[in-house]
Amino acid sequence: MENNKLRRSKEKNNMNLTQLQPIIKRGKKRLGQGHGSGRSKTSGRGTKGQKARRNIPLFFEGGALPLIKRLPFMRGKGRNYSIKGKPVVIRLDVLNKLKTRTVVDIKALIENGIVAKKEALKNGVKILDGGELNTILQIKVPVSEKAKNKIEKAGGSVA
């Protein structure tokens, strides 16, 4: 009986190559670690030349004049419009949430959750016509002409 136990324990310790789990990740190659590594001296970069010595930017064109410098300038008055963002647009009927005789500026709009803080401070706010206004408000942000008429008709003012 004791002999049988020894045989079982030996069977458990034996390992088959077919039972090994496959290695999924391959380790990082260690470059420049001596002649025995197989990656000595030039560390797999070949010999001489610009590519062997340092990293080259992706947009590098071999010393020729880069494409971006070959293109003409964008002339004229509106060349920076693409950089400047457009203001956050608010419909007039959204302002009905505010209390009567409220001073409407960017700070008040942010506090009442009408506009996002980051966008409003970066690009500004503009009120456009859309719906009816039922409250009397004092507005200190840019408004459209139709919105201005409706605000004044409701008893408010635009500064």
C-alpha atoms as a PDB file:
ATOM      1  CA  MET A   1       0.000   0.000   0.000  1.00  0.00           C
ATOM      2  CA  GLU A   2       2.787   2.381   0.866  1.00  0.00           C
ATOM      3  CA  ASN A   3       4.509   1.561  -2.414  1.00  0.00           C
ATOM      4  CA  ASN A   4       1.295   2.483  -4.251  1.00  0.00           C
ATOM      5  CA  LYS A   5       1.260   5.956  -2.600  1.00  0.00           C
ATOM      6  CA  LEU A   6       4.841   6.578  -3.685  1.00  0.00           C
ATOM      7  CA  ARG A   7       3.963   5.705  -7.286  1.00  0.00           C
ATOM      8  CA  ARG A   8       1.040   8.171  -7.249  1.00  0.00           C
ATOM      9  CA  SER A   9       3.135  11.000  -5.816  1.00  0.00           C
ATOM     10  CA  LYS A  10       5.779  10.438  -8.508  1.00  0.00           C
ATOM     11  CA  GLU A  11       3.093  10.525 -11.205  1.00  0.00           C
ATOM     12  CA  LYS A  12       1.877  13.908  -9.927  1.00  0.00           C
ATOM     13  CA  ASN A  13       5.382  15.404 -10.037  1.00  0.00           C
ATOM     14  CA  ASN A  14       6.098  14.266 -13.584  1.00  0.00           C
ATOM     15  CA  MET A  15       5.430  16.966 -16.150  1.00  0.00           C
ATOM     16  CA  ASN A  16       4.523  16.519 -19.801  1.00  0.00           C
ATOM     17  CA  LEU A  17       5.403  19.102 -22.441  1.00  0.00           C
ATOM     18  CA  THR A  18       1.863  18.737 -23.778  1.00  0.00           C
ATOM     19  CA  GLN A  19       0.425  19.823 -20.430  1.00  0.00           C
ATOM     20  CA  LEU A  20       2.324  23.136 -20.277  1.00  0.00           C
ATOM     21  CA  GLN A  21       0.324  26.309 -20.804  1.00  0.00           C
ATOM     22  CA  PRO A  22       1.373  28.408 -23.797  1.00  0.00           C
ATOM     23  CA  ILE A  23       3.252  31.658 -23.190  1.00  0.00           C
ATOM     24  CA  ILE A  24       1.074  34.509 -24.406  1.00  0.00           C
ATOM     25  CA  LYS A  25       3.347  37.528 -23.895  1.00  0.00           C
ATOM     26  CA  ARG A  26       6.780  37.817 -25.429  1.00  0.00           C
ATOM     27  CA  GLY A  27       9.346  39.688 -23.366  1.00  0.00           C
ATOM     28  CA  LYS A  28      10.885  42.980 -24.465  1.00  0.00           C
ATOM     29  CA  LYS A  29      14.173  42.598 -26.355  1.00  0.00           C
ATOM     30  CA  ARG A  30      17.077  43.852 -24.309  1.00  0.00           C
ATOM     31  CA  LEU A  31      19.326  45.747 -26.689  1.00  0.00           C
ATOM     32  CA  GLY A  32      23.013  46.473 -26.242  1.00  0.00           C
ATOM     33  CA  GLN A  33      23.575  43.773 -23.597  1.00  0.00           C
ATOM     34  CA  GLY A  34      26.835  42.329 -24.916  1.00  0.00           C
ATOM     35  CA  HIS A  35      27.913  39.883 -27.609  1.00  0.00           C
ATOM     36  CA  GLY A  36      26.119  36.884 -26.148  1.00  0.00           C
ATOM     37  CA  SER A  37      22.716  38.528 -26.512  1.00  0.00           C
ATOM     38  CA  GLY A  38      22.800  38.529 -30.314  1.00  0.00           C
ATOM     39  CA  ARG A  39      21.928  42.228 -30.259  1.00  0.00           C
ATOM     40  CA  SER A  40      25.268  43.794 -29.460  1.00  0.00           C
ATOM     41  CA  LYS A  41      27.181  46.723 -30.948  1.00  0.00           C
ATOM     42  CA  THR A  42      24.581  48.436 -33.169  1.00  0.00           C
ATOM     43  CA  SER A  43      21.579  46.965 -31.319  1.00  0.00           C
ATOM     44  CA  GLY A  44      19.701  45.985 -34.457  1.00  0.00           C
ATOM     45  CA  ARG A  45      19.929  49.416 -36.100  1.00  0.00           C
ATOM     46  CA  GLY A  46      22.247  48.429 -38.916  1.00  0.00           C
ATOM     47  CA  THR A  47      25.339  50.512 -39.551  1.00  0.00           C
ATOM     48  CA  LYS A  48      25.806  54.255 -39.853  1.00  0.00           C
ATOM     49  CA  GLY A  49      23.418  56.825 -41.236  1.00  0.00           C
ATOM     50  CA  GLN A  50      20.792  59.056 -39.684  1.00  0.00           C
ATOM     51  CA  LYS A  51      18.408  56.233 -38.769  1.00  0.00           C
ATOM     52  CA  ALA A  52      21.149  54.431 -36.830  1.00  0.00           C
ATOM     53  CA  ARG A  53      21.986  57.455 -34.688  1.00  0.00           C
ATOM     54  CA  ARG A  54      18.683  58.975 -33.517  1.00  0.00           C
ATOM     55  CA  ASN A  55      14.918  58.919 -33.934  1.00  0.00           C
ATOM     56  CA  ILE A  56      13.548  60.790 -36.945  1.00  0.00           C
ATOM     57  CA  PRO A  57      10.208  62.639 -36.719  1.00  0.00           C
ATOM     58  CA  LEU A  58       7.335  61.018 -38.588  1.00  0.00           C
ATOM     59  CA  PHE A  59       6.842  64.113 -40.770  1.00  0.00           C
ATOM     60  CA  PHE A  60      10.530  64.380 -41.759  1.00  0.00           C
ATOM     61  CA  GLU A  61      10.916  64.460 -45.561  1.00  0.00           C
ATOM     62  CA  GLY A  62      14.592  63.682 -45.988  1.00  0.00           C
ATOM     63  CA  GLY A  63      15.868  67.249 -45.819  1.00  0.00           C
ATOM     64  CA  ALA A  64      13.544  68.535 -48.572  1.00  0.00           C
ATOM     65  CA  LEU A  65      11.390  71.599 -47.904  1.00  0.00           C
ATOM     66  CA  PRO A  66       8.445  70.292 -45.860  1.00  0.00           C
ATOM     67  CA  LEU A  67       4.978  70.234 -47.408  1.00  0.00           C
ATOM     68  CA  ILE A  68       3.560  72.686 -44.883  1.00  0.00           C
ATOM     69  CA  LYS A  69       6.200  75.263 -45.898  1.00  0.00           C
ATOM     70  CA  ARG A  70       5.545  74.723 -49.610  1.00  0.00           C
ATOM     71  CA  LEU A  71       1.870  75.711 -49.292  1.00  0.00           C
ATOM     72  CA  PRO A  72       0.882  79.390 -49.652  1.00  0.00           C
ATOM     73  CA  PHE A  73      -0.307  81.489 -46.728  1.00  0.00           C
ATOM     74  CA  MET A  74      -4.028  81.942 -46.238  1.00  0.00           C
ATOM     75  CA  ARG A  75      -4.456  85.642 -46.975  1.00  0.00           C
ATOM     76  CA  GLY A  76      -7.142  88.046 -45.907  1.00  0.00           C
ATOM     77  CA  LYS A  77      -9.251  89.233 -43.022  1.00  0.00           C
ATOM     78  CA  GLY A  78     -10.927  85.960 -42.025  1.00  0.00           C
ATOM     79  CA  ARG A  79      -7.882  83.719 -41.798  1.00  0.00           C
ATOM     80  CA  ASN A  80      -8.208  83.159 -38.037  1.00  0.00           C
ATOM     81  CA  TYR A  81     -11.955  82.428 -37.906  1.00  0.00           C
ATOM     82  CA  SER A  82     -11.295  78.699 -37.772  1.00  0.00           C
ATOM     83  CA  ILE A  83      -9.322  79.137 -34.544  1.00  0.00           C
ATOM     84  CA  LYS A  84     -11.932  81.219 -32.748  1.00  0.00           C
ATOM     85  CA  GLY A  85     -14.875  79.199 -31.406  1.00  0.00           C
ATOM     86  CA  LYS A  86     -18.525  80.085 -31.903  1.00  0.00           C
ATOM     87  CA  PRO A  87     -20.532  81.344 -28.911  1.00  0.00           C
ATOM     88  CA  VAL A  88     -22.896  79.051 -27.013  1.00  0.00           C
ATOM     89  CA  VAL A  89     -26.414  79.634 -28.339  1.00  0.00           C
ATOM     90  CA  ILE A  90     -29.357  79.929 -25.918  1.00  0.00           C
ATOM     91  CA  ARG A  91     -33.009  80.013 -26.960  1.00  0.00           C
ATOM     92  CA  LEU A  92     -35.162  82.747 -25.460  1.00  0.00           C
ATOM     93  CA  ASP A  93     -37.707  80.384 -23.883  1.00  0.00           C
ATOM     94  CA  VAL A  94     -34.947  78.748 -21.762  1.00  0.00           C
ATOM     95  CA  LEU A  95     -34.643  82.013 -19.790  1.00  0.00           C
ATOM     96  CA  ASN A  96     -38.154  81.462 -18.340  1.00  0.00           C
ATOM     97  CA  LYS A  97     -36.428  79.265 -15.694  1.00  0.00           C
ATOM     98  CA  LEU A  98     -34.852  82.363 -14.142  1.00  0.00           C
ATOM     99  CA  LYS A  99     -36.563  84.459 -11.470  1.00  0.00           C
ATOM    100  CA  THR A 100     -38.139  87.807 -12.344  1.00  0.00           C
ATOM    101  CA  ARG A 101     -35.811  90.839 -12.413  1.00  0.00           C
ATOM    102  CA  THR A 102     -32.665  88.668 -12.596  1.00  0.00           C
ATOM    103  CA  VAL A 103     -29.537  90.160 -14.094  1.00  0.00           C
ATOM    104  CA  VAL A 104     -28.596  87.717 -16.879  1.00  0.00           C
ATOM    105  CA  ASP A 105     -24.846  87.474 -17.445  1.00  0.00           C
ATOM    106  CA  ILE A 106     -22.519  84.518 -18.028  1.00  0.00           C
ATOM    107  CA  LYS A 107     -22.096  83.950 -14.282  1.00  0.00           C
ATOM    108  CA  ALA A 108     -25.882  83.744 -13.701  1.00  0.00           C
ATOM    109  CA  LEU A 109     -26.320  81.353 -16.636  1.00  0.00           C
ATOM    110  CA  ILE A 110     -23.600  79.038 -15.266  1.00  0.00           C
ATOM    111  CA  GLU A 111     -25.046  79.102 -11.716  1.00  0.00           C
ATOM    112  CA  ASN A 112     -28.523  78.138 -12.980  1.00  0.00           C
ATOM    113  CA  GLY A 113     -27.138  75.280 -15.099  1.00  0.00           C
ATOM    114  CA  ILE A 114     -28.202  76.728 -18.439  1.00  0.00           C
ATOM    115  CA  VAL A 115     -24.710  76.632 -19.981  1.00  0.00           C
ATOM    116  CA  ALA A 116     -21.512  74.670 -19.277  1.00  0.00           C
ATOM    117  CA  LYS A 117     -18.867  76.709 -17.483  1.00  0.00           C
ATOM    118  CA  LYS A 118     -15.891  75.745 -19.666  1.00  0.00           C
ATOM    119  CA  GLU A 119     -17.624  76.475 -23.001  1.00  0.00           C
ATOM    120  CA  ALA A 120     -19.264  79.703 -21.823  1.00  0.00           C
ATOM    121  CA  LEU A 121     -16.042  81.208 -20.480  1.00  0.00           C
ATOM    122  CA  LYS A 122     -14.035  80.170 -23.542  1.00  0.00           C
ATOM    123  CA  ASN A 123     -16.405  81.138 -26.386  1.00  0.00           C
ATOM    124  CA  GLY A 124     -19.027  83.381 -24.785  1.00  0.00           C
ATOM    125  CA  VAL A 125     -22.839  83.199 -24.918  1.00  0.00           C
ATOM    126  CA  LYS A 126     -25.461  84.596 -27.295  1.00  0.00           C
ATOM    127  CA  ILE A 127     -29.242  84.620 -26.870  1.00  0.00           C
ATOM    128  CA  LEU A 128     -31.285  83.960 -29.993  1.00  0.00           C
ATOM    129  CA  ASP A 129     -34.996  84.184 -30.721  1.00  0.00           C
ATOM    130  CA  GLY A 130     -36.898  80.982 -30.025  1.00  0.00           C
ATOM    131  CA  GLY A 131     -40.178  80.745 -28.141  1.00  0.00           C
ATOM    132  CA  GLU A 132     -41.726  83.364 -25.859  1.00  0.00           C
ATOM    133  CA  LEU A 133     -40.307  85.107 -22.793  1.00  0.00           C
ATOM    134  CA  ASN A 134     -42.671  85.471 -19.802  1.00  0.00           C
ATOM    135  CA  THR A 135     -40.345  86.963 -17.172  1.00  0.00           C
ATOM    136  CA  ILE A 136     -38.866  90.427 -16.806  1.00  0.00           C
ATOM    137  CA  LEU A 137     -35.074  90.198 -17.118  1.00  0.00           C
ATOM    138  CA  GLN A 138     -32.097  92.531 -17.348  1.00  0.00           C
ATOM    139  CA  ILE A 139     -29.753  91.023 -19.936  1.00  0.00           C
ATOM    140  CA  LYS A 140     -26.020  91.768 -20.176  1.00  0.00           C
ATOM    141  CA  VAL A 141     -24.943  89.238 -22.833  1.00  0.00           C
ATOM    142  CA  PRO A 142     -25.117  89.574 -26.638  1.00  0.00           C
ATOM    143  CA  VAL A 143     -28.593  89.041 -28.121  1.00  0.00           C
ATOM    144  CA  SER A 144     -30.050  88.908 -31.623  1.00  0.00           C
ATOM    145  CA  GLU A 145     -32.305  91.692 -32.900  1.00  0.00           C
ATOM    146  CA  LYS A 146     -35.515  89.607 -32.722  1.00  0.00           C
ATOM    147  CA  ALA A 147     -34.648  88.402 -29.219  1.00  0.00           C
ATOM    148  CA  LYS A 148     -34.034  92.006 -28.129  1.00  0.00           C
ATOM    149  CA  ASN A 149     -37.489  93.037 -29.346  1.00  0.00           C
ATOM    150  CA  LYS A 150     -39.170  90.165 -27.458  1.00  0.00           C
ATOM    151  CA  ILE A 151     -37.241  90.920 -24.234  1.00  0.00           C
ATOM    152  CA  GLU A 152     -38.255  94.587 -24.335  1.00  0.00           C
ATOM    153  CA  LYS A 153     -41.846  93.604 -25.172  1.00  0.00           C
ATOM    154  CA  ALA A 154     -41.920  91.396 -22.021  1.00  0.00           C
ATOM    155  CA  GLY A 155     -40.758  94.383 -19.920  1.00  0.00           C
ATOM    156  CA  GLY A 156     -37.065  93.561 -19.673  1.00  0.00           C
ATOM    157  CA  SER A 157     -34.011  95.469 -20.814  1.00  0.00           C
ATOM    158  CA  VAL A 158     -30.869  94.747 -22.832  1.00  0.00           C
ATOM    159  CA  ALA A 159     -27.603  96.442 -21.875  1.00  0.00           C
END
